[in-house]
Protein backbone atom coordinates (compact mmCIF):
# COMPACT_ATOMS: atom_id res chain seq x y z
CA MET A 1 -19.75 -13.13 16.88
CA HIS A 2 -17.27 -14.14 14.01
CA GLY A 3 -16.54 -13.58 10.34
CA PRO A 4 -16.38 -16.16 7.28
CA LEU A 5 -14.48 -19.22 9.09
CA PRO A 6 -11.17 -20.52 7.93
CA ARG A 7 -11.23 -24.26 5.38
CA LEU A 8 -9.32 -26.52 7.11
CA THR A 9 -6.58 -27.99 5.39
CA PRO A 10 -3.67 -30.57 6.60
CA GLU A 11 -1.54 -27.46 6.44
CA ASN A 12 -3.64 -25.46 9.05
CA LYS A 13 -5.72 -27.96 11.01
CA ASP A 14 -3.33 -28.03 13.85
CA PHE A 15 -3.68 -24.71 14.55
CA TRP A 16 -7.54 -24.02 14.03
CA THR A 17 -8.20 -26.84 16.19
CA CYS A 18 -5.59 -26.98 19.14
CA GLY A 19 -8.19 -24.90 21.24
CA ALA A 20 -10.00 -28.41 21.84
CA ASP A 21 -7.86 -28.84 24.67
CA ASN A 22 -7.66 -25.22 25.71
CA GLU A 23 -3.80 -24.99 23.94
CA LEU A 24 -1.91 -22.82 21.82
CA ARG A 25 -0.14 -24.44 19.85
CA ILE A 26 2.64 -22.69 17.15
CA GLN A 27 4.21 -24.42 14.18
CA ARG A 28 7.99 -24.87 15.60
CA CYS A 29 10.93 -26.19 14.05
CA THR A 30 12.16 -28.91 15.35
CA SER A 31 16.33 -28.17 13.76
CA CYS A 32 16.16 -24.93 15.53
CA GLY A 33 13.56 -24.29 17.76
CA THR A 34 12.40 -21.33 15.90
CA LEU A 35 8.25 -20.48 16.16
CA ARG A 36 6.58 -19.49 13.07
CA HIS A 37 3.02 -18.37 12.24
CA PRO A 38 1.05 -18.33 10.15
CA GLN A 39 2.87 -21.84 8.90
CA GLY A 40 5.32 -22.34 6.06
CA PRO A 41 7.40 -25.03 4.23
CA ARG A 42 10.55 -23.93 5.26
CA CYS A 43 11.50 -22.49 8.44
CA ARG A 44 13.21 -19.19 7.78
CA GLU A 45 15.95 -19.17 10.06
CA CYS A 46 17.59 -22.85 9.30
CA ARG A 47 15.54 -23.97 6.23
CA SER A 48 14.42 -26.98 7.65
CA ALA A 49 11.48 -29.08 6.50
CA GLU A 50 11.01 -30.41 9.74
CA PHE A 51 7.80 -29.35 11.95
CA ASP A 52 5.64 -29.81 14.87
CA TYR A 53 3.16 -27.55 16.83
CA ALA A 54 4.29 -26.58 20.32
CA ALA A 55 2.07 -25.90 22.92
CA VAL A 56 3.34 -22.14 24.07
CA SER A 57 1.78 -20.45 27.07
CA GLY A 58 -1.20 -18.27 25.67
CA ARG A 59 -0.23 -14.43 27.02
CA GLY A 60 1.21 -11.78 25.07
CA THR A 61 0.83 -8.19 24.61
CA VAL A 62 -1.24 -6.27 22.30
CA LEU A 63 1.29 -4.91 19.62
CA GLY A 64 -1.71 -3.11 17.61
CA VAL A 65 -4.94 -2.11 18.03
CA THR A 66 -8.00 -0.76 16.37
CA ILE A 67 -11.74 -0.36 17.51
CA ASN A 68 -13.70 -1.05 14.26
CA ALA A 69 -16.65 0.93 13.58
CA GLN A 70 -17.73 0.17 9.59
CA GLN A 71 -19.53 -2.99 8.44
CA TRP A 72 -17.63 -4.91 6.82
CA LEU A 73 -19.67 -8.25 7.36
CA PRO A 74 -23.19 -8.26 7.83
CA ASP A 75 -23.11 -11.45 10.99
CA MET A 76 -20.18 -8.73 12.81
CA THR A 77 -22.18 -5.83 13.76
CA PRO A 78 -19.22 -3.08 15.24
CA PRO A 79 -17.90 -1.77 17.41
CA TYR A 80 -15.57 -4.66 18.08
CA VAL A 81 -11.72 -4.57 18.94
CA ILE A 82 -8.87 -6.09 16.01
CA CYS A 83 -5.83 -6.86 17.80
CA ILE A 84 -2.36 -8.34 17.04
CA VAL A 85 -0.81 -9.64 19.46
CA GLY A 86 2.96 -10.75 20.03
CA LEU A 87 3.03 -13.68 22.11
CA GLU A 88 5.19 -13.90 25.41
CA GLU A 89 8.04 -16.30 23.95
CA ASP A 90 8.69 -14.35 21.12
CA PRO A 91 7.08 -11.54 20.27
CA ARG A 92 8.09 -11.31 16.43
CA VAL A 93 5.45 -14.21 16.31
CA ARG A 94 1.75 -12.17 16.18
CA ILE A 95 -1.76 -13.47 15.66
CA THR A 96 -4.34 -11.10 14.75
CA SER A 97 -7.47 -11.83 16.61
CA ASN A 98 -10.35 -10.07 18.31
CA LEU A 99 -9.87 -8.56 22.46
CA ILE A 100 -12.78 -9.50 24.12
CA GLU A 101 -14.07 -8.99 28.04
CA CYS A 102 -12.64 -5.60 27.36
CA ASP A 103 -14.01 -2.17 27.63
CA LEU A 104 -13.44 -0.22 24.19
CA ASP A 105 -11.55 2.47 25.90
CA ALA A 106 -9.37 0.42 27.64
CA ALA A 107 -8.26 -1.72 24.34
CA HIS A 108 -4.87 -0.19 23.96
CA VAL A 109 -1.01 -0.90 23.02
CA GLY A 110 1.37 -2.82 25.23
CA LEU A 111 -1.70 -4.83 27.54
CA ALA A 112 -1.50 -8.16 28.71
CA VAL A 113 -3.45 -10.79 27.23
CA GLU A 114 -4.28 -14.33 27.78
CA VAL A 115 -6.05 -16.58 24.63
CA VAL A 116 -9.23 -17.73 25.04
CA PHE A 117 -10.97 -20.44 22.66
CA SER A 118 -14.62 -19.87 21.39
CA GLN A 119 -15.45 -23.31 19.43
CA ILE A 120 -17.57 -22.42 15.88
CA ASP A 121 -18.35 -25.99 13.99
CA ASP A 122 -14.83 -27.66 13.19
CA VAL A 123 -13.01 -24.78 14.36
CA TRP A 124 -11.91 -23.03 17.63
CA LEU A 125 -11.20 -19.77 16.85
CA PRO A 126 -8.27 -18.02 19.83
CA TYR A 127 -9.33 -14.71 20.90
CA PHE A 128 -7.59 -12.71 23.67
CA ARG A 129 -8.44 -10.93 26.85
CA PRO A 130 -6.76 -8.58 29.34
CA ILE A 131 -4.90 -10.45 32.32
CA PRO A 132 -6.27 -9.43 35.27
CA HIS A 133 -4.14 -6.43 37.30
CA ALA A 134 -1.09 -6.78 34.93
CA ALA A 135 1.10 -4.40 34.47
CA PRO A 136 1.46 -2.38 30.74
CA GLN A 137 3.73 -4.11 28.80
CA GLN A 138 6.96 -2.45 26.98
CA LEU A 139 7.08 -2.17 23.65
CA PRO A 140 9.82 -4.70 21.67
CA ALA A 141 12.23 -2.74 19.71
CA GLU A 142 11.35 -3.04 15.99
CA ASP A 143 14.20 -4.93 13.98
CA ALA A 144 16.93 -2.93 12.36
CA TYR A 145 16.29 -4.44 8.46
CA GLU A 146 18.71 -1.57 7.20
CA VAL A 147 21.04 -4.23 7.61
CA TYR A 148 19.91 -6.02 4.57
CA LEU A 149 20.05 -3.35 2.19
CA ARG A 150 22.14 -4.02 -0.54
CA THR A 151 24.75 -2.19 -2.29
CA PRO A 152 24.37 -1.61 -6.15
CA VAL A 153 26.13 -4.50 -8.38
CA SER A 154 27.10 -2.17 -11.22
CA SER A 155 27.41 1.60 -11.74
CA LYS A 156 25.26 0.98 -14.75
CA ARG A 157 21.38 2.60 -14.19
CA PHE A 158 18.84 1.49 -16.14
CA GLU A 159 16.69 3.99 -14.96
CA HIS A 160 19.03 6.49 -17.33
CA ASP A 161 18.47 4.23 -20.52
CA VAL A 162 14.56 5.57 -20.40
CA VAL A 163 12.34 8.60 -20.51
CA LEU A 164 9.12 9.13 -19.93
CA SER A 165 7.39 10.38 -22.71
CA GLY A 166 3.65 10.31 -22.84
CA LEU A 167 0.71 10.94 -20.13
CA GLY A 168 -3.14 10.24 -20.33
CA TYR A 169 -6.22 10.07 -18.55
CA SER A 170 -9.26 8.64 -19.19
CA GLU A 171 -12.46 10.67 -17.18
CA ILE A 172 -12.18 9.88 -13.45
CA GLY A 173 -15.38 10.17 -11.14
CA ARG A 174 -17.45 8.31 -8.81
CA ARG A 175 -19.56 5.36 -10.00
CA LEU A 176 -19.28 5.98 -13.51
CA ASN A 177 -20.72 2.81 -14.24
CA ARG A 178 -18.47 2.79 -17.80
CA ASP A 179 -16.93 -0.85 -19.28
CA PRO A 180 -13.54 -0.42 -17.62
CA LEU A 181 -12.02 -1.07 -20.80
CA SER A 182 -13.25 1.99 -22.47
CA LEU A 183 -11.44 4.13 -19.56
CA THR A 184 -8.17 2.28 -20.52
CA ALA A 185 -8.88 2.64 -24.34
CA ASP A 186 -8.93 6.55 -23.57
CA ALA A 187 -6.04 6.92 -21.53
CA ALA A 188 -4.07 4.80 -23.61
CA LEU A 189 -4.99 6.76 -27.02
CA ALA A 190 -4.49 9.66 -25.32
CA ALA A 191 -0.88 9.11 -24.00
CA ILE A 192 -0.06 8.25 -27.45
CA ALA A 193 -1.20 11.54 -28.62
CA ASP A 194 0.65 13.36 -25.58
CA ALA A 195 4.15 12.22 -26.56
CA GLY A 196 3.47 12.76 -30.56
CA LEU A 197 3.58 9.23 -31.48
CA ARG A 198 1.15 6.82 -33.04
CA PRO A 199 -0.72 3.48 -32.29
CA GLU A 200 1.81 1.83 -34.53
CA ASP A 201 4.90 3.51 -32.47
CA ILE A 202 3.71 1.17 -29.23
CA ASP A 203 5.93 -2.12 -29.32
CA GLY A 204 5.56 -2.83 -25.49
CA LEU A 205 2.42 -3.10 -23.17
CA ALA A 206 2.60 -3.22 -19.43
CA THR A 207 0.06 -3.33 -17.14
CA TYR A 208 -0.91 -3.92 -12.81
CA PRO A 209 -2.31 -6.36 -11.98
CA GLY A 210 -3.55 -7.96 -15.00
CA ALA A 211 -6.48 -9.99 -15.98
CA GLY A 212 -6.93 -11.02 -12.47
CA GLY A 213 -8.16 -7.72 -10.99
CA TYR A 214 -11.03 -7.70 -12.93
CA ALA A 215 -12.74 -9.56 -10.80
CA HIS A 216 -12.77 -7.17 -8.21
CA GLY A 217 -13.03 -3.70 -9.85
CA PHE A 218 -9.26 -3.42 -10.20
CA SER A 219 -8.40 -4.13 -13.62
CA GLU A 220 -10.06 -3.63 -17.23
CA GLY A 221 -9.11 -7.44 -18.12
CA GLY A 222 -4.74 -6.95 -18.76
CA VAL A 223 -2.77 -7.03 -21.25
CA ALA A 224 -4.94 -9.15 -23.70
CA ALA A 225 -7.99 -7.13 -23.32
CA LEU A 226 -6.41 -3.99 -24.49
CA GLU A 227 -4.60 -5.65 -26.87
CA GLU A 228 -7.87 -7.05 -28.14
CA ALA A 229 -9.30 -3.79 -28.22
CA LEU A 230 -7.00 -1.49 -30.14
CA ARG A 231 -4.57 -4.30 -31.65
CA LEU A 232 -1.02 -2.78 -31.14
CA ARG A 233 1.05 -6.22 -32.03
CA PRO A 234 3.59 -5.66 -29.00
CA THR A 235 7.11 -7.45 -29.49
CA TRP A 236 7.00 -7.58 -25.86
CA HIS A 237 4.67 -7.65 -22.63
CA ALA A 238 4.06 -7.97 -19.09
CA GLY A 239 1.17 -7.72 -16.46
CA GLY A 240 0.81 -9.18 -12.60
CA ASP A 241 0.45 -8.00 -9.31
CA GLU A 242 3.46 -9.56 -7.58
CA THR A 243 5.70 -6.24 -8.56
CA PRO A 244 7.15 -3.27 -6.99
CA GLY A 245 4.02 -1.53 -6.07
CA GLN A 246 1.37 -0.51 -8.85
CA ALA A 247 4.43 1.41 -10.82
CA GLY A 248 6.25 -2.15 -10.68
CA ALA A 249 4.89 -2.63 -14.43
CA ILE A 250 6.66 0.82 -15.22
CA VAL A 251 10.24 -0.98 -13.79
CA ALA A 252 9.32 -3.94 -15.73
CA ALA A 253 8.79 -1.55 -19.08
CA MET A 254 12.14 0.13 -18.28
CA LEU A 255 13.63 -3.07 -17.90
CA ALA A 256 12.39 -4.17 -21.51
CA VAL A 257 13.59 -0.75 -23.40
CA SER A 258 17.15 -0.68 -21.38
CA ALA A 259 17.70 -4.70 -22.88
CA GLY A 260 16.55 -3.32 -26.33
CA LEU A 261 13.67 -5.17 -26.55
CA CYS A 262 11.45 -2.65 -27.33
CA ARG A 263 11.47 1.34 -28.08
CA HIS A 264 7.90 3.02 -26.66
CA VAL A 265 5.56 0.87 -24.02
CA LEU A 266 2.22 1.79 -23.14
CA CYS A 267 1.75 1.03 -19.33
CA PHE A 268 -1.57 1.76 -18.07
CA ARG A 269 -3.66 1.14 -15.25
CA THR A 270 -7.58 1.03 -14.60
CA VAL A 271 -9.37 1.12 -11.77
CA TRP A 272 -13.65 0.44 -11.42
CA GLU A 273 -13.75 -0.39 -7.76
CA SER A 274 -16.28 2.38 -7.34
CA SER A 275 -18.76 1.02 -10.13
CA PHE A 276 -18.19 -2.82 -8.89
CA PRO A 277 -20.71 -3.32 -6.67
CA LEU A 278 -23.04 -1.90 -10.12
CA ARG A 279 -21.43 -4.14 -12.74
CA GLY A 280 -22.12 -7.95 -10.86
CA GLY A 281 -19.98 -7.58 -7.78
CA ALA A 282 -18.72 -10.51 -6.04
CA VAL A 283 -19.37 -14.22 -6.15
CA PRO A 284 -18.79 -15.46 -2.53
CA ALA A 285 -17.49 -19.30 -1.95
CA ALA A 286 -19.84 -21.80 -1.92
CA ASP A 287 -19.31 -22.63 1.51
CA GLY A 288 -18.73 -19.32 3.04
CA ARG A 289 -15.16 -20.72 4.05
CA VAL A 290 -11.82 -18.77 3.18
CA SER A 291 -8.23 -20.05 2.35
CA GLY A 292 -5.15 -19.18 1.99
CA ALA A 293 -2.31 -17.57 4.89
CA PHE A 294 -3.82 -13.37 3.88
CA LEU A 295 -7.62 -13.95 4.31
CA GLU A 296 -8.03 -16.89 7.00
CA TYR A 297 -6.14 -15.31 9.47
CA ARG A 298 -8.04 -12.04 9.46
CA ALA A 299 -11.43 -12.29 8.19
CA PRO A 300 -12.46 -14.56 11.00
CA PHE A 301 -11.47 -11.76 13.44
CA GLY A 302 -13.70 -9.39 10.99
CA ALA A 303 -10.25 -7.62 9.81
CA MET A 304 -11.47 -7.03 6.36
CA SER A 305 -9.84 -3.99 5.21
CA ALA A 306 -6.72 -2.65 4.63
CA ALA A 307 -7.94 0.08 6.80
CA ASN A 308 -8.03 -2.23 10.19
CA TRP A 309 -4.68 -3.40 9.40
CA ILE A 310 -3.05 -0.30 8.40
CA GLY A 311 -4.78 1.24 11.47
CA MET A 312 -3.03 -1.00 13.54
CA ASN A 313 0.13 -0.23 12.71
CA ALA A 314 -0.57 3.45 13.07
CA SER A 315 -1.58 2.93 16.89
CA ASN A 316 1.59 1.63 17.45
CA TYR A 317 3.29 3.84 16.30
CA MET A 318 1.58 6.58 17.92
CA ALA A 319 1.97 4.60 21.57
CA ARG A 320 5.37 4.14 20.39
CA TYR A 321 6.44 7.94 19.50
CA GLY A 322 3.99 9.63 21.61
CA ALA A 323 1.85 11.07 18.27
CA SER A 324 -1.67 12.34 18.21
CA ARG A 325 -4.01 12.06 15.29
CA GLU A 326 -3.40 15.79 14.59
CA VAL A 327 -0.40 14.71 12.28
CA LEU A 328 -2.90 13.00 10.17
CA GLY A 329 -5.16 15.46 10.13
CA ARG A 330 -2.53 18.03 8.73
CA ILE A 331 -1.93 15.55 5.93
CA ALA A 332 -5.63 15.15 5.24
CA VAL A 333 -6.29 18.88 5.20
CA ASN A 334 -3.59 19.41 2.74
CA ALA A 335 -4.94 16.93 0.86
CA ARG A 336 -7.97 18.36 0.19
CA THR A 337 -6.79 21.75 -0.05
CA ASN A 338 -4.24 20.56 -2.97
CA ALA A 339 -7.42 18.82 -4.89
CA GLY A 340 -9.48 22.06 -4.76
CA ARG A 341 -6.42 23.02 -7.28
CA ASN A 342 -7.31 20.01 -9.35
CA ASP A 343 -10.20 19.94 -11.66
CA ARG A 344 -9.89 15.79 -12.01
CA ALA A 345 -10.28 15.37 -8.50
CA ILE A 346 -13.44 13.57 -6.64
CA TYR A 347 -13.43 15.80 -3.54
CA ARG A 348 -12.28 19.77 -3.92
CA ASP A 349 -14.76 21.25 -0.95
CA PRO A 350 -12.35 22.12 1.68
CA PHE A 351 -12.04 21.58 4.91
CA THR A 352 -10.72 22.02 8.57
CA LEU A 353 -8.92 20.23 10.93
CA ASP A 354 -12.05 20.80 13.18
CA ASP A 355 -14.20 19.04 10.37
CA TYR A 356 -11.71 16.17 10.18
CA PHE A 357 -12.22 15.76 13.99
CA ASP A 358 -15.93 16.01 13.50
CA ALA A 359 -16.10 13.31 10.88
CA ARG A 360 -17.07 9.40 11.74
CA ILE A 361 -14.86 7.07 12.83
CA VAL A 362 -14.04 4.27 10.31
CA THR A 363 -11.26 2.14 12.13
CA THR A 364 -9.38 3.58 14.81
CA PRO A 365 -7.28 5.90 14.51
CA PHE A 366 -8.48 6.42 11.08
CA GLY A 367 -11.68 8.55 10.32
CA LEU A 368 -13.51 9.30 7.14
CA TYR A 369 -11.18 11.86 5.45
CA ASP A 370 -8.12 9.39 6.26
CA CYS A 371 -9.41 6.80 4.03
CA ASP A 372 -8.77 7.41 0.29
CA VAL A 373 -11.55 7.39 -2.26
CA PRO A 374 -12.81 4.52 -4.56
CA CYS A 375 -13.31 6.00 -7.84
CA ASP A 376 -13.05 4.73 -12.12
CA GLY A 377 -10.79 5.83 -14.12
CA ALA A 378 -7.53 5.23 -15.86
CA ILE A 379 -3.97 6.81 -16.57
CA ALA A 380 -1.69 5.56 -19.30
CA ILE A 381 2.37 6.17 -19.16
CA ILE A 382 4.52 5.92 -21.86
CA VAL A 383 8.18 4.95 -21.18
CA SER A 384 10.51 5.48 -24.23
CA ALA A 385 14.13 4.96 -25.08
CA ALA A 386 16.16 7.71 -24.30
CA GLU A 387 17.80 8.25 -27.49
CA THR A 388 14.12 9.01 -29.07
CA ALA A 389 13.77 12.03 -26.50
CA LYS A 390 14.84 14.55 -29.06
CA ASP A 391 12.12 13.62 -31.13
CA LEU A 392 8.56 13.82 -28.79
CA ALA A 393 6.11 16.18 -29.08
CA ILE A 394 6.33 17.15 -25.12
CA LYS A 395 9.66 17.85 -22.87
CA PRO A 396 10.11 13.75 -21.34
CA VAL A 397 10.92 13.31 -17.94
CA TYR A 398 13.83 11.60 -16.69
CA VAL A 399 13.85 8.87 -14.03
CA GLU A 400 16.56 9.11 -11.93
CA ALA A 401 16.60 6.49 -9.53
CA VAL A 402 13.87 3.73 -8.43
CA GLY A 403 14.12 1.82 -5.15
CA THR A 404 12.66 -1.76 -5.16
CA GLN A 405 14.40 -4.17 -2.43
CA ILE A 406 12.59 -6.51 -0.22
CA ILE A 407 13.86 -6.19 3.34
CA GLU A 408 11.30 -6.65 5.51
CA PRO A 409 8.83 -9.75 6.39
CA ILE A 410 5.83 -9.28 3.38
CA SER A 411 3.32 -9.38 5.70
CA TRP A 412 1.01 -6.83 7.50
CA ASP A 413 1.03 -8.23 11.26
CA GLN A 414 4.72 -10.97 11.03
CA GLY A 415 6.92 -7.66 9.86
CA THR A 416 7.27 -3.70 10.47
CA LEU A 417 4.10 -2.57 12.73
CA SER A 418 5.77 1.09 13.86
CA HIS A 419 5.19 2.20 10.45
CA GLU A 420 3.28 1.01 7.30
CA PRO A 421 5.03 -2.54 6.11
CA GLN A 422 7.07 -2.78 2.65
CA LEU A 423 8.35 1.14 2.76
CA LEU A 424 11.79 0.82 4.18
CA GLY A 425 13.32 -1.56 1.61
CA PRO A 426 12.21 0.76 -1.34
CA ALA A 427 12.89 3.92 0.63
CA ARG A 428 16.60 2.98 1.16
CA HIS A 429 17.61 1.03 -1.95
CA LEU A 430 16.25 4.50 -3.51
CA TRP A 431 18.74 6.40 -2.25
CA SER A 432 21.77 3.85 -3.00
CA ARG A 433 20.90 4.44 -7.04
CA THR A 434 21.72 8.01 -6.97
CA HIS A 435 23.75 11.11 -6.20
CA LEU A 436 21.32 13.54 -5.55
CA THR A 437 19.93 13.82 -1.89
CA HIS A 438 17.11 14.95 0.21
CA ASP A 439 17.98 18.44 -0.26
CA ASP A 440 17.60 18.44 -4.48
CA VAL A 441 13.84 16.99 -3.60
CA ASP A 442 11.25 20.04 -4.82
CA LEU A 443 8.54 18.22 -4.22
CA ALA A 444 6.65 14.86 -3.05
CA LEU A 445 4.56 12.50 -4.53
CA LEU A 446 3.75 9.92 -2.10
CA TYR A 447 1.34 7.14 -1.62
CA ASP A 448 -1.55 7.78 0.52
CA GLY A 449 -4.28 4.90 0.68
CA PHE A 450 -4.54 6.11 4.42
CA SER A 451 -2.89 9.34 5.63
CA PHE A 452 -0.93 7.25 7.95
CA ASN A 453 0.58 5.96 4.81
CA CYS A 454 2.24 9.53 3.49
CA LEU A 455 3.31 9.97 7.42
CA SER A 456 5.45 6.70 7.18
CA TRP A 457 7.09 6.83 3.62
CA ILE A 458 7.98 10.58 4.70
CA GLU A 459 9.78 8.99 7.54
CA SER A 460 11.16 6.03 5.76
CA LEU A 461 12.25 8.17 3.02
CA GLY A 462 14.47 10.02 5.61
CA PHE A 463 13.01 13.59 5.17
CA CYS A 464 12.69 13.24 9.27
CA GLY A 465 13.58 10.30 11.23
CA PHE A 466 11.43 7.90 12.84
CA GLY A 467 9.10 9.36 15.32
CA GLU A 468 9.42 12.97 13.95
CA ALA A 469 6.54 13.19 11.36
CA THR A 470 4.58 15.32 13.83
CA ASP A 471 7.54 18.26 14.36
CA PHE A 472 8.17 17.90 10.93
CA ILE A 473 4.81 18.19 9.55
CA GLY A 474 3.99 20.97 12.52
CA ASP A 475 0.83 23.28 11.31
CA GLY A 476 0.93 21.81 7.70
CA THR A 477 3.15 24.71 6.05
CA THR A 478 5.82 22.19 5.39
CA ILE A 479 4.02 20.11 3.03
CA ALA A 480 1.89 23.01 1.64
CA LEU A 481 1.94 23.91 -2.04
CA ASP A 482 4.57 26.77 -1.13
CA GLY A 483 5.86 24.23 1.72
CA SER A 484 9.52 23.35 2.13
CA LEU A 485 8.59 19.91 0.76
CA PRO A 486 5.07 19.97 -1.41
CA LEU A 487 3.06 16.98 -0.94
CA ASN A 488 0.67 15.68 -3.26
CA PRO A 489 -0.53 18.58 -4.82
CA HIS A 490 -2.97 17.10 -6.87
CA GLY A 491 -5.05 16.16 -3.55
CA GLY A 492 -3.52 12.17 -3.68
CA GLN A 493 -5.97 9.70 -3.18
CA LEU A 494 -7.40 10.81 0.11
CA SER A 495 -9.46 13.71 -1.93
CA GLY A 496 -8.31 13.63 -5.54
CA GLY A 497 -9.35 9.70 -6.04
CA ARG A 498 -7.97 6.40 -5.62
CA THR A 499 -6.55 6.17 -8.68
CA HIS A 500 -3.99 3.13 -6.87
CA GLY A 501 -0.73 4.25 -7.96
CA PHE A 502 -0.26 5.47 -11.30
CA GLY A 503 -1.62 9.26 -10.33
CA PHE A 504 1.51 10.15 -8.06
CA LEU A 505 3.88 9.14 -11.20
CA ALA A 506 1.39 11.31 -13.48
CA GLU A 507 1.33 14.14 -10.94
CA ALA A 508 5.46 14.03 -10.81
CA MET A 509 5.34 14.26 -14.64
CA GLU A 510 2.83 17.00 -14.87
CA GLN A 511 5.10 18.91 -12.39
CA LEU A 512 8.40 18.22 -14.02
CA ARG A 513 7.18 19.70 -16.99
CA GLY A 514 5.63 22.59 -15.65
CA THR A 515 1.81 22.06 -16.78
CA ALA A 516 -0.07 21.68 -13.39
CA GLY A 517 -1.60 24.96 -13.83
CA VAL A 518 -2.83 26.67 -10.69
CA ARG A 519 -1.11 23.43 -8.53
CA GLN A 520 2.18 23.96 -10.00
CA VAL A 521 4.95 23.81 -7.71
CA LYS A 522 7.75 26.84 -8.75
CA ASN A 523 10.85 25.20 -10.02
CA ALA A 524 10.20 21.92 -9.59
CA LYS A 525 12.70 19.57 -11.02
CA VAL A 526 13.28 17.12 -8.64
CA ALA A 527 9.88 15.03 -7.29
CA VAL A 528 10.44 11.84 -4.97
CA ALA A 529 7.17 9.58 -5.75
CA SER A 530 6.22 6.12 -4.47
CA THR A 531 3.66 3.34 -5.32
CA GLY A 532 2.17 0.67 -3.09
CA GLY A 533 0.34 0.91 -0.30
CA GLY A 534 2.12 -2.45 1.21
CA VAL A 535 2.22 -4.77 -1.99
CA PRO A 536 5.12 -4.23 -1.70
CA SER A 537 5.95 -0.73 -2.67
CA SER A 538 8.41 1.18 -4.99
CA ALA A 539 10.12 4.49 -4.48
CA TRP A 540 11.16 6.70 -7.46
CA LEU A 541 12.73 10.04 -8.02
CA LEU A 542 12.49 12.08 -11.31
CA ARG A 543 13.76 15.07 -12.96
CA SER A 544 13.07 17.38 -15.63
CA GLN A 545 15.70 18.30 -18.55
CA GLU A 546 16.61 21.00 -16.54
CA ALA A 547 17.85 19.43 -12.77
């Protein structure tokens, strides 16, 4: 049982065919001996371009595991076990695979395993099975990535040259089956009106992920599509997906305004993922093969969803710190309670912690309520020059600081495993760009593609130490609307809907304006927010005029 096979290339064939003689081989730098997986063009340690493929023992330790219960692929019937194995020679070199010849209830982090190959066509897939009678293995310590944090290069803060001046929403719902560009136009014009501007005042456009996301239901077609629809004639524009989270489009807009390229940038984000299957879906490759380091090392093993990838990180966290699903349930119940106060939320009916545990499992440790809700909708935010604040129709929101640095490997399995990856850099970077502290923060808008994402952000941002979220969240009162750190008063993406990043900054704006209605946090003056979900990510400190 397997998923789509990798397409063999000169770069990857040594790995995917090494099982022909039943030996696992990993790319090795011949200059310094460093092992690397997946393969790359240069050694990350010494930058040499000289490599061979070295035989390794084939033994290792399960560092992350998830029992998948969701049917992602027609030829892989659940349940099946996906795992991340750290090699005996170097636990920092990991292989995502399937755990076989193992009872489901015996699959756990710390299991000692060995490789076994299965030939399908011209590919030998490496699977792993438990080593009989082997003792549980100790988890390796996570790398101290904080040492790579860069200090600010100057005292200038581009964040202080701008304000967030306008906010607009389109209709948000499940399977609206609307032209996504019409959703974008609705949100864009609403944001312009909210700021008291005219379309003619907009001289910049910025979006995530740009035109490329259209093929997957993740954009309306990008800058060109919206410009053709509204004919705004910007002097500057940007769109793409290699940014600090989805709100990296807003970071780019802030830099453009700070540099004097424009004064009012319309930033927009559109999703129509829930209607995507209704409007054509995706066209698979003709030969059914997959390529590229991201998918080819996951798809053959049925690891098709971020739920699988992050679920394995959550399993590492739970094994490392002794946490249980209850802490994730507290986050999910809080999100639904808050969504009940938000007219835009997709799901508003309350549920209890018992309901959380009774819900079906998607992929361990995640159940139905641990996963965000695909939806259709658009959100637009306008970035304006700070000197225009006095002329705006509504009081603006100020950006105190943003965190954007990458300090971890950009990987779902080769870097951080104890938390969601790609959070530590922006979280640490954020606090280096401000004099404010955790005690100044009145509420948190933290990306929750999965409940574990929120937990990872809380700890990475330093509101509690690593492994301390269970005690910090407690019975849920800490993160409730009237708690010491109100979390996602709008319901987040777990219940409000996956607006994919922009929704957190939008809610921060409403809270700091004091316009959130029944979900308003009392005396909200400073908000911490995050976007990303591992893309890499970004962290934000926003404040009101009164802060």
